[in-house]
């Protein structure tokens, strides 16, 4: 489904074992080798829109399709996030700290994250 999805959002914990330069097995292709690769293979979906990890938010460069850090969560630093990646992570020149959630937003998140996996 993600291959054909108009907009795909990935949510995952971040560590060097998951944020690797190259995967051994691919279940849901992103932008593969770069611009035009999805189209060559007949994939009708738009590819990933963003990745949300336990440390920040990643977007994809319009031209190269390479993933980059766009936002980092409160309590994180760019250096700490780069250390949790197994490649030379690109960082937006306009990288920002994500604003802290409001009490109402926290209540909603706690409702959908009862095990405290993401809020941990």
PDB file of N, CA and C in Angstrom:
ATOM      1  N   UNK A   1       0.811  -1.195   0.000  1.00  0.00           N
ATOM      2  CA  UNK A   1       0.000   0.000   0.000  1.00  0.00           C
ATOM      3  C   UNK A   1       0.858   1.264   0.000  1.00  0.00           C
ATOM      4  N   UNK A   2       1.943   1.245   0.770  1.00  0.00           N
ATOM      5  CA  UNK A   2       2.766   2.451   0.849  1.00  0.00           C
ATOM      6  C   UNK A   2       3.405   2.801  -0.487  1.00  0.00           C
ATOM      7  N   UNK A   3       3.656   1.806  -1.319  1.00  0.00           N
ATOM      8  CA  UNK A   3       4.254   2.051  -2.626  1.00  0.00           C
ATOM      9  C   UNK A   3       3.324   2.879  -3.505  1.00  0.00           C
ATOM     10  N   UNK A   4       2.020   2.695  -3.333  1.00  0.00           N
ATOM     11  CA  UNK A   4       1.032   3.396  -4.154  1.00  0.00           C
ATOM     12  C   UNK A   4       0.411   4.591  -3.451  1.00  0.00           C
ATOM     13  N   UNK A   5       0.732   4.798  -2.202  1.00  0.00           N
ATOM     14  CA  UNK A   5       0.125   5.880  -1.441  1.00  0.00           C
ATOM     15  C   UNK A   5       0.499   7.256  -1.965  1.00  0.00           C
ATOM     16  N   UNK A   6      -0.472   8.153  -1.935  1.00  0.00           N
ATOM     17  CA  UNK A   6      -0.219   9.530  -2.373  1.00  0.00           C
ATOM     18  C   UNK A   6       0.757  10.226  -1.421  1.00  0.00           C
ATOM     19  N   UNK A   7       0.599   9.947  -0.129  1.00  0.00           N
ATOM     20  CA  UNK A   7       1.460  10.559   0.887  1.00  0.00           C
ATOM     21  C   UNK A   7       1.788   9.504   1.932  1.00  0.00           C
ATOM     22  N   UNK A   8       3.066   9.265   2.182  1.00  0.00           N
ATOM     23  CA  UNK A   8       3.487   8.232   3.127  1.00  0.00           C
ATOM     24  C   UNK A   8       4.288   8.877   4.254  1.00  0.00           C
ATOM     25  N   UNK A   9       3.926   8.527   5.469  1.00  0.00           N
ATOM     26  CA  UNK A   9       4.598   9.000   6.672  1.00  0.00           C
ATOM     27  C   UNK A   9       5.130   7.779   7.404  1.00  0.00           C
ATOM     28  N   UNK A  10       6.410   7.772   7.728  1.00  0.00           N
ATOM     29  CA  UNK A  10       7.015   6.671   8.483  1.00  0.00           C
ATOM     30  C   UNK A  10       7.302   7.152   9.896  1.00  0.00           C
ATOM     31  N   UNK A  11       6.980   6.323  10.864  1.00  0.00           N
ATOM     32  CA  UNK A  11       7.245   6.631  12.273  1.00  0.00           C
ATOM     33  C   UNK A  11       8.068   5.490  12.830  1.00  0.00           C
ATOM     34  N   UNK A  12       9.212   5.824  13.437  1.00  0.00           N
ATOM     35  CA  UNK A  12      10.094   4.773  13.933  1.00  0.00           C
ATOM     36  C   UNK A  12      11.038   5.277  15.011  1.00  0.00           C
ATOM     37  N   UNK A  13      11.471   4.363  15.885  1.00  0.00           N
ATOM     38  CA  UNK A  13      12.491   4.751  16.862  1.00  0.00           C
ATOM     39  C   UNK A  13      13.816   4.983  16.137  1.00  0.00           C
ATOM     40  N   UNK A  14      14.639   5.844  16.691  1.00  0.00           N
ATOM     41  CA  UNK A  14      15.908   6.148  16.032  1.00  0.00           C
ATOM     42  C   UNK A  14      17.088   5.601  16.802  1.00  0.00           C
ATOM     43  N   UNK A  15      17.896   4.822  16.088  1.00  0.00           N
ATOM     44  CA  UNK A  15      19.210   4.393  16.563  1.00  0.00           C
ATOM     45  C   UNK A  15      20.010   3.959  15.342  1.00  0.00           C
ATOM     46  N   UNK A  16      21.295   3.737  15.525  1.00  0.00           N
ATOM     47  CA  UNK A  16      22.174   3.409  14.393  1.00  0.00           C
ATOM     48  C   UNK A  16      21.808   2.096  13.699  1.00  0.00           C
ATOM     49  N   UNK A  17      21.122   1.204  14.401  1.00  0.00           N
ATOM     50  CA  UNK A  17      20.745  -0.073  13.790  1.00  0.00           C
ATOM     51  C   UNK A  17      19.532   0.090  12.871  1.00  0.00           C
ATOM     52  N   UNK A  18      18.752   1.117  13.080  1.00  0.00           N
ATOM     53  CA  UNK A  18      17.574   1.351  12.240  1.00  0.00           C
ATOM     54  C   UNK A  18      17.820   2.452  11.210  1.00  0.00           C
ATOM     55  N   UNK A  19      18.607   3.427  11.543  1.00  0.00           N
ATOM     56  CA  UNK A  19      18.937   4.521  10.619  1.00  0.00           C
ATOM     57  C   UNK A  19      20.262   4.185   9.943  1.00  0.00           C
ATOM     58  N   UNK A  20      20.173   3.263   8.984  1.00  0.00           N
ATOM     59  CA  UNK A  20      21.359   2.760   8.288  1.00  0.00           C
ATOM     60  C   UNK A  20      21.473   3.394   6.907  1.00  0.00           C
ATOM     61  N   UNK A  21      22.676   3.352   6.357  1.00  0.00           N
ATOM     62  CA  UNK A  21      22.902   3.930   5.035  1.00  0.00           C
ATOM     63  C   UNK A  21      22.225   3.112   3.938  1.00  0.00           C
ATOM     64  N   UNK A  22      22.257   1.800   4.082  1.00  0.00           N
ATOM     65  CA  UNK A  22      21.644   0.926   3.074  1.00  0.00           C
ATOM     66  C   UNK A  22      21.002  -0.261   3.789  1.00  0.00           C
ATOM     67  N   UNK A  23      19.768  -0.570   3.410  1.00  0.00           N
ATOM     68  CA  UNK A  23      19.071  -1.688   4.034  1.00  0.00           C
ATOM     69  C   UNK A  23      19.366  -2.991   3.290  1.00  0.00           C
ATOM     70  N   UNK A  24      19.256  -4.100   4.015  1.00  0.00           N
ATOM     71  CA  UNK A  24      19.488  -5.411   3.396  1.00  0.00           C
ATOM     72  C   UNK A  24      18.236  -5.934   2.695  1.00  0.00           C
ATOM     73  N   UNK A  25      17.073  -5.550   3.201  1.00  0.00           N
ATOM     74  CA  UNK A  25      15.816  -6.031   2.644  1.00  0.00           C
ATOM     75  C   UNK A  25      14.841  -4.866   2.593  1.00  0.00           C
ATOM     76  N   UNK A  26      14.213  -4.675   1.468  1.00  0.00           N
ATOM     77  CA  UNK A  26      13.334  -3.534   1.252  1.00  0.00           C
ATOM     78  C   UNK A  26      11.883  -3.986   1.151  1.00  0.00           C
ATOM     79  N   UNK A  27      11.054  -3.519   2.072  1.00  0.00           N
ATOM     80  CA  UNK A  27       9.633  -3.868   2.015  1.00  0.00           C
ATOM     81  C   UNK A  27       8.806  -2.751   1.390  1.00  0.00           C
ATOM     82  N   UNK A  28       9.203  -1.522   1.620  1.00  0.00           N
ATOM     83  CA  UNK A  28       8.483  -0.373   1.073  1.00  0.00           C
ATOM     84  C   UNK A  28       9.496   0.588   0.476  1.00  0.00           C
ATOM     85  N   UNK A  29       9.594   0.657  -0.838  1.00  0.00           N
ATOM     86  CA  UNK A  29      10.588   1.525  -1.453  1.00  0.00           C
ATOM     87  C   UNK A  29      10.281   3.007  -1.258  1.00  0.00           C
ATOM     88  N   UNK A  30      11.337   3.738  -0.987  1.00  0.00           N
ATOM     89  CA  UNK A  30      11.225   5.189  -0.918  1.00  0.00           C
ATOM     90  C   UNK A  30      11.584   5.752  -2.279  1.00  0.00           C
ATOM     91  N   UNK A  31      12.667   6.513  -2.328  1.00  0.00           N
ATOM     92  CA  UNK A  31      13.099   7.106  -3.593  1.00  0.00           C
ATOM     93  C   UNK A  31      14.231   6.316  -4.242  1.00  0.00           C
ATOM     94  N   UNK A  32      14.550   5.146  -3.657  1.00  0.00           N
ATOM     95  CA  UNK A  32      15.534   4.220  -4.215  1.00  0.00           C
ATOM     96  C   UNK A  32      16.837   4.931  -4.558  1.00  0.00           C
ATOM     97  N   UNK A  33      17.258   4.934  -5.815  1.00  0.00           N
ATOM     98  CA  UNK A  33      18.525   5.544  -6.201  1.00  0.00           C
ATOM     99  C   UNK A  33      18.448   7.043  -6.436  1.00  0.00           C
ATOM    100  N   UNK A  34      17.276   7.646  -6.281  1.00  0.00           N
ATOM    101  CA  UNK A  34      17.154   9.090  -6.478  1.00  0.00           C
ATOM    102  C   UNK A  34      16.004   9.453  -7.394  1.00  0.00           C
ATOM    103  N   UNK A  35      16.045  10.654  -7.934  1.00  0.00           N
ATOM    104  CA  UNK A  35      14.956  11.158  -8.775  1.00  0.00           C
ATOM    105  C   UNK A  35      14.672  10.254  -9.976  1.00  0.00           C
ATOM    106  N   UNK A  36      13.394   9.999 -10.217  1.00  0.00           N
ATOM    107  CA  UNK A  36      12.975   9.228 -11.379  1.00  0.00           C
ATOM    108  C   UNK A  36      12.959   7.721 -11.203  1.00  0.00           C
ATOM    109  N   UNK A  37      13.565   7.205 -10.130  1.00  0.00           N
ATOM    110  CA  UNK A  37      13.647   5.751  -9.930  1.00  0.00           C
ATOM    111  C   UNK A  37      12.265   5.130  -9.729  1.00  0.00           C
ATOM    112  N   UNK A  38      11.413   5.764  -8.962  1.00  0.00           N
ATOM    113  CA  UNK A  38      10.075   5.220  -8.718  1.00  0.00           C
ATOM    114  C   UNK A  38       9.290   5.141 -10.031  1.00  0.00           C
ATOM    115  N   UNK A  39       9.369   6.193 -10.811  1.00  0.00           N
ATOM    116  CA  UNK A  39       8.640   6.259 -12.069  1.00  0.00           C
ATOM    117  C   UNK A  39       9.115   5.181 -13.052  1.00  0.00           C
ATOM    118  N   UNK A  40      10.439   4.960 -13.103  1.00  0.00           N
ATOM    119  CA  UNK A  40      10.994   3.920 -13.993  1.00  0.00           C
ATOM    120  C   UNK A  40      10.415   2.554 -13.687  1.00  0.00           C
ATOM    121  N   UNK A  41      10.096   2.319 -12.410  1.00  0.00           N
ATOM    122  CA  UNK A  41       9.574   1.023 -11.985  1.00  0.00           C
ATOM    123  C   UNK A  41       8.046   0.977 -11.986  1.00  0.00           C
ATOM    124  N   UNK A  42       7.412   2.052 -12.447  1.00  0.00           N
ATOM    125  CA  UNK A  42       5.956   2.082 -12.540  1.00  0.00           C
ATOM    126  C   UNK A  42       5.234   2.316 -11.232  1.00  0.00           C
ATOM    127  N   UNK A  43       5.930   2.840 -10.240  1.00  0.00           N
ATOM    128  CA  UNK A  43       5.286   3.122  -8.954  1.00  0.00           C
ATOM    129  C   UNK A  43       4.445   4.383  -9.074  1.00  0.00           C
ATOM    130  N   UNK A  44       3.170   4.259  -8.731  1.00  0.00           N
ATOM    131  CA  UNK A  44       2.249   5.381  -8.914  1.00  0.00           C
ATOM    132  C   UNK A  44       2.186   6.314  -7.712  1.00  0.00           C
ATOM    133  N   UNK A  45       2.658   5.880  -6.577  1.00  0.00           N
ATOM    134  CA  UNK A  45       2.616   6.715  -5.376  1.00  0.00           C
ATOM    135  C   UNK A  45       3.683   7.787  -5.391  1.00  0.00           C
ATOM    136  N   UNK A  46       3.528   8.751  -4.497  1.00  0.00           N
ATOM    137  CA  UNK A  46       4.448   9.873  -4.444  1.00  0.00           C
ATOM    138  C   UNK A  46       5.723   9.637  -3.665  1.00  0.00           C
ATOM    139  N   UNK A  47       5.817   8.504  -3.004  1.00  0.00           N
ATOM    140  CA  UNK A  47       6.986   8.244  -2.176  1.00  0.00           C
ATOM    141  C   UNK A  47       6.816   8.831  -0.791  1.00  0.00           C
ATOM    142  N   UNK A  48       7.803   8.651   0.060  1.00  0.00           N
ATOM    143  CA  UNK A  48       7.668   9.132   1.430  1.00  0.00           C
ATOM    144  C   UNK A  48       7.619  10.655   1.496  1.00  0.00           C
ATOM    145  N   UNK A  49       6.766  11.150   2.372  1.00  0.00           N
ATOM    146  CA  UNK A  49       6.649  12.591   2.595  1.00  0.00           C
ATOM    147  C   UNK A  49       7.578  13.018   3.723  1.00  0.00           C
ATOM    148  N   UNK A  50       7.568  12.223   4.792  1.00  0.00           N
ATOM    149  CA  UNK A  50       8.477  12.520   5.903  1.00  0.00           C
ATOM    150  C   UNK A  50       8.664  11.281   6.766  1.00  0.00           C
ATOM    151  N   UNK A  51       9.697  11.333   7.587  1.00  0.00           N
ATOM    152  CA  UNK A  51       9.972  10.305   8.579  1.00  0.00           C
ATOM    153  C   UNK A  51       9.995  11.007   9.923  1.00  0.00           C
ATOM    154  N   UNK A  52       9.258  10.449  10.873  1.00  0.00           N
ATOM    155  CA  UNK A  52       9.258  10.983  12.229  1.00  0.00           C
ATOM    156  C   UNK A  52       9.908   9.939  13.110  1.00  0.00           C
ATOM    157  N   UNK A  53      11.012  10.315  13.737  1.00  0.00           N
ATOM    158  CA  UNK A  53      11.693   9.388  14.630  1.00  0.00           C
ATOM    159  C   UNK A  53      11.442   9.837  16.064  1.00  0.00           C
ATOM    160  N   UNK A  54      12.033   9.141  16.980  1.00  0.00           N
ATOM    161  CA  UNK A  54      11.925   9.522  18.388  1.00  0.00           C
ATOM    162  C   UNK A  54      12.814  10.723  18.707  1.00  0.00           C
ATOM    163  N   UNK A  55      13.565  11.206  17.699  1.00  0.00           N
ATOM    164  CA  UNK A  55      14.458  12.344  17.924  1.00  0.00           C
ATOM    165  C   UNK A  55      14.131  13.562  17.072  1.00  0.00           C
ATOM    166  N   UNK A  56      13.457  13.362  15.938  1.00  0.00           N
ATOM    167  CA  UNK A  56      13.194  14.507  15.070  1.00  0.00           C
ATOM    168  C   UNK A  56      12.344  14.159  13.860  1.00  0.00           C
ATOM    169  N   UNK A  57      12.232  15.137  12.970  1.00  0.00           N
ATOM    170  CA  UNK A  57      11.432  15.009  11.753  1.00  0.00           C
ATOM    171  C   UNK A  57      12.363  15.173  10.554  1.00  0.00           C
ATOM    172  N   UNK A  58      12.216  14.264   9.597  1.00  0.00           N
ATOM    173  CA  UNK A  58      13.042  14.252   8.399  1.00  0.00           C
ATOM    174  C   UNK A  58      12.166  14.502   7.176  1.00  0.00           C
ATOM    175  N   UNK A  59      12.702  15.232   6.236  1.00  0.00           N
ATOM    176  CA  UNK A  59      12.027  15.494   4.959  1.00  0.00           C
ATOM    177  C   UNK A  59      12.951  15.011   3.849  1.00  0.00           C
ATOM    178  N   UNK A  60      12.509  15.170   2.606  1.00  0.00           N
ATOM    179  CA  UNK A  60      13.286  14.716   1.456  1.00  0.00           C
ATOM    180  C   UNK A  60      13.549  15.877   0.510  1.00  0.00           C
ATOM    181  N   UNK A  61      14.801  16.026   0.107  1.00  0.00           N
ATOM    182  CA  UNK A  61      15.199  17.093  -0.801  1.00  0.00           C
ATOM    183  C   UNK A  61      14.438  16.963  -2.114  1.00  0.00           C
ATOM    184  N   UNK A  62      13.872  18.046  -2.593  1.00  0.00           N
ATOM    185  CA  UNK A  62      13.078  18.030  -3.827  1.00  0.00           C
ATOM    186  C   UNK A  62      13.882  17.566  -5.038  1.00  0.00           C
ATOM    187  N   UNK A  63      15.145  17.948  -5.117  1.00  0.00           N
ATOM    188  CA  UNK A  63      15.967  17.626  -6.284  1.00  0.00           C
ATOM    189  C   UNK A  63      16.652  16.262  -6.185  1.00  0.00           C
ATOM    190  N   UNK A  64      17.296  15.990  -5.047  1.00  0.00           N
ATOM    191  CA  UNK A  64      18.078  14.764  -4.910  1.00  0.00           C
ATOM    192  C   UNK A  64      17.294  13.616  -4.303  1.00  0.00           C
ATOM    193  N   UNK A  65      16.208  13.930  -3.619  1.00  0.00           N
ATOM    194  CA  UNK A  65      15.370  12.966  -2.883  1.00  0.00           C
ATOM    195  C   UNK A  65      16.070  12.413  -1.651  1.00  0.00           C
ATOM    196  N   UNK A  66      17.201  12.985  -1.269  1.00  0.00           N
ATOM    197  CA  UNK A  66      17.911  12.537  -0.073  1.00  0.00           C
ATOM    198  C   UNK A  66      17.190  13.035   1.182  1.00  0.00           C
ATOM    199  N   UNK A  67      17.139  12.166   2.190  1.00  0.00           N
ATOM    200  CA  UNK A  67      16.506  12.519   3.451  1.00  0.00           C
ATOM    201  C   UNK A  67      17.417  13.453   4.241  1.00  0.00           C
ATOM    202  N   UNK A  68      16.814  14.446   4.889  1.00  0.00           N
ATOM    203  CA  UNK A  68      17.577  15.375   5.724  1.00  0.00           C
ATOM    204  C   UNK A  68      16.793  15.702   6.990  1.00  0.00           C
ATOM    205  N   UNK A  69      17.505  16.133   8.009  1.00  0.00           N
ATOM    206  CA  UNK A  69      16.878  16.532   9.263  1.00  0.00           C
ATOM    207  C   UNK A  69      16.273  17.922   9.104  1.00  0.00           C
ATOM    208  N   UNK A  70      14.958  18.025   9.334  1.00  0.00           N
ATOM    209  CA  UNK A  70      14.265  19.303   9.219  1.00  0.00           C
ATOM    210  C   UNK A  70      13.951  19.905  10.587  1.00  0.00           C
ATOM    211  N   UNK A  71      13.660  19.038  11.574  1.00  0.00           N
ATOM    212  CA  UNK A  71      13.320  19.487  12.925  1.00  0.00           C
ATOM    213  C   UNK A  71      13.872  18.502  13.945  1.00  0.00           C
ATOM    214  N   UNK A  72      14.234  19.014  15.108  1.00  0.00           N
ATOM    215  CA  UNK A  72      14.645  18.132  16.198  1.00  0.00           C
ATOM    216  C   UNK A  72      13.752  18.410  17.392  1.00  0.00           C
ATOM    217  N   UNK A  73      13.507  17.377  18.167  1.00  0.00           N
ATOM    218  CA  UNK A  73      12.593  17.497  19.297  1.00  0.00           C
ATOM    219  C   UNK A  73      13.283  18.129  20.501  1.00  0.00           C
ATOM    220  N   UNK A  74      12.512  18.779  21.371  1.00  0.00           N
ATOM    221  CA  UNK A  74      13.092  19.364  22.583  1.00  0.00           C
ATOM    222  C   UNK A  74      13.896  18.319  23.358  1.00  0.00           C
ATOM    223  N   UNK A  75      15.051  18.730  23.840  1.00  0.00           N
ATOM    224  CA  UNK A  75      15.934  17.828  24.576  1.00  0.00           C
ATOM    225  C   UNK A  75      16.947  17.134  23.684  1.00  0.00           C
ATOM    226  N   UNK A  76      16.813  17.266  22.365  1.00  0.00           N
ATOM    227  CA  UNK A  76      17.753  16.669  21.421  1.00  0.00           C
ATOM    228  C   UNK A  76      18.667  17.759  20.866  1.00  0.00           C
ATOM    229  N   UNK A  77      19.749  17.335  20.263  1.00  0.00           N
ATOM    230  CA  UNK A  77      20.631  18.265  19.559  1.00  0.00           C
ATOM    231  C   UNK A  77      20.954  17.656  18.198  1.00  0.00           C
ATOM    232  N   UNK A  78      21.370  18.494  17.272  1.00  0.00           N
ATOM    233  CA  UNK A  78      21.756  17.995  15.949  1.00  0.00           C
ATOM    234  C   UNK A  78      22.901  16.994  16.086  1.00  0.00           C
ATOM    235  N   UNK A  79      23.855  17.270  16.945  1.00  0.00           N
ATOM    236  CA  UNK A  79      25.006  16.385  17.133  1.00  0.00           C
ATOM    237  C   UNK A  79      24.564  15.011  17.647  1.00  0.00           C
ATOM    238  N   UNK A  80      23.653  14.995  18.612  1.00  0.00           N
ATOM    239  CA  UNK A  80      23.146  13.746  19.176  1.00  0.00           C
ATOM    240  C   UNK A  80      22.402  12.938  18.104  1.00  0.00           C
ATOM    241  N   UNK A  81      21.642  13.624  17.281  1.00  0.00           N
ATOM    242  CA  UNK A  81      20.881  12.965  16.224  1.00  0.00           C
ATOM    243  C   UNK A  81      21.829  12.401  15.163  1.00  0.00           C
ATOM    244  N   UNK A  82      22.834  13.170  14.783  1.00  0.00           N
ATOM    245  CA  UNK A  82      23.796  12.680  13.792  1.00  0.00           C
ATOM    246  C   UNK A  82      24.532  11.447  14.315  1.00  0.00           C
ATOM    247  N   UNK A  83      24.783  11.408  15.627  1.00  0.00           N
ATOM    248  CA  UNK A  83      25.459  10.262  16.228  1.00  0.00           C
ATOM    249  C   UNK A  83      24.573   9.014  16.212  1.00  0.00           C
ATOM    250  N   UNK A  84      23.261   9.202  16.071  1.00  0.00           N
ATOM    251  CA  UNK A  84      22.320   8.075  16.043  1.00  0.00           C
ATOM    252  C   UNK A  84      21.980   7.663  14.611  1.00  0.00           C
ATOM    253  N   UNK A  85      22.775   8.109  13.655  1.00  0.00           N
ATOM    254  CA  UNK A  85      22.623   7.723  12.246  1.00  0.00           C
ATOM    255  C   UNK A  85      23.905   7.044  11.794  1.00  0.00           C
ATOM    256  N   UNK A  86      23.758   6.058  10.918  1.00  0.00           N
ATOM    257  CA  UNK A  86      24.936   5.327  10.442  1.00  0.00           C
ATOM    258  C   UNK A  86      25.496   5.904   9.149  1.00  0.00           C
ATOM    259  N   UNK A  87      25.134   7.116   8.812  1.00  0.00           N
ATOM    260  CA  UNK A  87      25.661   7.787   7.622  1.00  0.00           C
ATOM    261  C   UNK A  87      25.802   9.261   7.927  1.00  0.00           C
ATOM    262  N   UNK A  88      26.388  10.002   7.021  1.00  0.00           N
ATOM    263  CA  UNK A  88      26.589  11.429   7.201  1.00  0.00           C
ATOM    264  C   UNK A  88      25.274  12.147   6.902  1.00  0.00           C
ATOM    265  N   UNK A  89      24.445  12.265   7.909  1.00  0.00           N
ATOM    266  CA  UNK A  89      23.122  12.852   7.787  1.00  0.00           C
ATOM    267  C   UNK A  89      23.201  14.314   7.362  1.00  0.00           C
ATOM    268  N   UNK A  90      22.420  14.660   6.359  1.00  0.00           N
ATOM    269  CA  UNK A  90      22.308  16.058   5.940  1.00  0.00           C
ATOM    270  C   UNK A  90      21.344  16.759   6.891  1.00  0.00           C
ATOM    271  N   UNK A  91      21.618  18.028   7.149  1.00  0.00           N
ATOM    272  CA  UNK A  91      20.793  18.831   8.052  1.00  0.00           C
ATOM    273  C   UNK A  91      20.371  20.088   7.308  1.00  0.00           C
ATOM    274  N   UNK A  92      19.099  20.415   7.387  1.00  0.00           N
ATOM    275  CA  UNK A  92      18.603  21.622   6.741  1.00  0.00           C
ATOM    276  C   UNK A  92      19.318  22.845   7.296  1.00  0.00           C
ATOM    277  N   UNK A  93      19.654  23.808   6.443  1.00  0.00           N
ATOM    278  CA  UNK A  93      20.237  25.047   6.966  1.00  0.00           C
ATOM    279  C   UNK A  93      19.212  25.814   7.808  1.00  0.00           C
ATOM    280  N   UNK A  94      17.942  25.442   7.665  1.00  0.00           N
ATOM    281  CA  UNK A  94      16.868  26.085   8.429  1.00  0.00           C
ATOM    282  C   UNK A  94      16.286  25.146   9.488  1.00  0.00           C
ATOM    283  N   UNK A  95      17.107  24.186   9.960  1.00  0.00           N
ATOM    284  CA  UNK A  95      16.625  23.232  10.960  1.00  0.00           C
ATOM    285  C   UNK A  95      16.108  23.993  12.182  1.00  0.00           C
ATOM    286  N   UNK A  96      15.003  23.506  12.740  1.00  0.00           N
ATOM    287  CA  UNK A  96      14.404  24.165  13.905  1.00  0.00           C
ATOM    288  C   UNK A  96      14.144  23.155  15.010  1.00  0.00           C
ATOM    289  N   UNK A  97      14.020  23.654  16.223  1.00  0.00           N
ATOM    290  CA  UNK A  97      13.543  22.818  17.319  1.00  0.00           C
ATOM    291  C   UNK A  97      12.027  22.802  17.250  1.00  0.00           C
ATOM    292  N   UNK A  98      11.454  21.604  17.251  1.00  0.00           N
ATOM    293  CA  UNK A  98      10.003  21.461  17.211  1.00  0.00           C
ATOM    294  C   UNK A  98       9.418  22.109  18.456  1.00  0.00           C
ATOM    295  N   UNK A  99       8.396  22.947  18.300  1.00  0.00           N
ATOM    296  CA  UNK A  99       7.769  23.533  19.496  1.00  0.00           C
ATOM    297  C   UNK A  99       7.217  22.438  20.405  1.00  0.00           C
ATOM    298  N   UNK A 100       7.315  22.647  21.708  1.00  0.00           N
ATOM    299  CA  UNK A 100       6.770  21.677  22.663  1.00  0.00           C
ATOM    300  C   UNK A 100       5.258  21.592  22.490  1.00  0.00           C
ATOM    301  N   UNK A 101       4.701  20.393  22.677  1.00  0.00           N
ATOM    302  CA  UNK A 101       3.252  20.250  22.520  1.00  0.00           C
ATOM    303  C   UNK A 101       2.487  20.947  23.648  1.00  0.00           C
ATOM    304  N   UNK A 102       1.277  21.347  23.314  1.00  0.00           N
ATOM    305  CA  UNK A 102       0.398  21.949  24.323  1.00  0.00           C
ATOM    306  C   UNK A 102      -0.145  20.835  25.212  1.00  0.00           C
ATOM    307  N   UNK A 103      -0.769  21.183  26.301  1.00  0.00           N
ATOM    308  CA  UNK A 103      -1.370  20.184  27.187  1.00  0.00           C
ATOM    309  C   UNK A 103      -2.438  19.385  26.456  1.00  0.00           C
ATOM    310  N   UNK A 104      -3.220  20.050  25.614  1.00  0.00           N
ATOM    311  CA  UNK A 104      -4.263  19.362  24.845  1.00  0.00           C
ATOM    312  C   UNK A 104      -3.643  18.355  23.878  1.00  0.00           C
ATOM    313  N   UNK A 105      -2.564  18.746  23.194  1.00  0.00           N
ATOM    314  CA  UNK A 105      -1.887  17.838  22.272  1.00  0.00           C
ATOM    315  C   UNK A 105      -1.286  16.644  23.019  1.00  0.00           C
ATOM    316  N   UNK A 106      -0.711  16.899  24.197  1.00  0.00           N
ATOM    317  CA  UNK A 106      -0.157  15.803  25.001  1.00  0.00           C
ATOM    318  C   UNK A 106      -1.238  14.810  25.402  1.00  0.00           C
ATOM    319  N   UNK A 107      -2.408  15.304  25.768  1.00  0.00           N
ATOM    320  CA  UNK A 107      -3.517  14.423  26.151  1.00  0.00           C
ATOM    321  C   UNK A 107      -3.909  13.525  24.979  1.00  0.00           C
ATOM    322  N   UNK A 108      -3.947  14.086  23.778  1.00  0.00           N
ATOM    323  CA  UNK A 108      -4.282  13.296  22.580  1.00  0.00           C
ATOM    324  C   UNK A 108      -3.211  12.238  22.333  1.00  0.00           C
ATOM    325  N   UNK A 109      -1.942  12.636  22.403  1.00  0.00           N
ATOM    326  CA  UNK A 109      -0.840  11.695  22.161  1.00  0.00           C
ATOM    327  C   UNK A 109      -0.846  10.581  23.206  1.00  0.00           C
ATOM    328  N   UNK A 110      -1.066  10.945  24.463  1.00  0.00           N
ATOM    329  CA  UNK A 110      -1.108   9.919  25.513  1.00  0.00           C
ATOM    330  C   UNK A 110      -2.237   8.925  25.268  1.00  0.00           C
ATOM    331  N   UNK A 111      -3.309   9.402  24.672  1.00  0.00           N
ATOM    332  CA  UNK A 111      -4.432   8.521  24.352  1.00  0.00           C
ATOM    333  C   UNK A 111      -4.100   7.509  23.266  1.00  0.00           C
ATOM    334  N   UNK A 112      -3.234   7.887  22.333  1.00  0.00           N
ATOM    335  CA  UNK A 112      -2.872   6.953  21.252  1.00  0.00           C
ATOM    336  C   UNK A 112      -1.523   6.268  21.504  1.00  0.00           C
ATOM    337  N   UNK A 113      -0.854   6.628  22.601  1.00  0.00           N
ATOM    338  CA  UNK A 113       0.431   6.016  22.962  1.00  0.00           C
ATOM    339  C   UNK A 113       0.376   5.563  24.425  1.00  0.00           C
ATOM    340  N   UNK A 114      -0.541   4.632  24.753  1.00  0.00           N
ATOM    341  CA  UNK A 114      -0.722   4.237  26.149  1.00  0.00           C
ATOM    342  C   UNK A 114       0.498   3.563  26.773  1.00  0.00           C
ATOM    343  N   UNK A 115       1.387   2.994  25.939  1.00  0.00           N
ATOM    344  CA  UNK A 115       2.574   2.347  26.506  1.00  0.00           C
ATOM    345  C   UNK A 115       3.730   3.329  26.653  1.00  0.00           C
ATOM    346  N   UNK A 116       3.503   4.570  26.267  1.00  0.00           N
ATOM    347  CA  UNK A 116       4.506   5.632  26.394  1.00  0.00           C
ATOM    348  C   UNK A 116       5.739   5.372  25.527  1.00  0.00           C
ATOM    349  N   UNK A 117       5.539   4.658  24.402  1.00  0.00           N
ATOM    350  CA  UNK A 117       6.658   4.342  23.509  1.00  0.00           C
ATOM    351  C   UNK A 117       7.287   5.592  22.937  1.00  0.00           C
ATOM    352  N   UNK A 118       6.458   6.497  22.389  1.00  0.00           N
ATOM    353  CA  UNK A 118       7.002   7.703  21.777  1.00  0.00           C
ATOM    354  C   UNK A 118       7.210   8.837  22.759  1.00  0.00           C
ATOM    355  N   UNK A 119       6.426   8.873  23.798  1.00  0.00           N
ATOM    356  CA  UNK A 119       6.600   9.928  24.802  1.00  0.00           C
ATOM    357  C   UNK A 119       7.693   9.597  25.801  1.00  0.00           C
ATOM    358  N   UNK A 120       7.971   8.293  25.949  1.00  0.00           N
ATOM    359  CA  UNK A 120       8.964   7.742  26.858  1.00  0.00           C
ATOM    360  C   UNK A 120       9.915   8.662  27.388  1.00  0.00           C
TER     361      UNK A 120
END
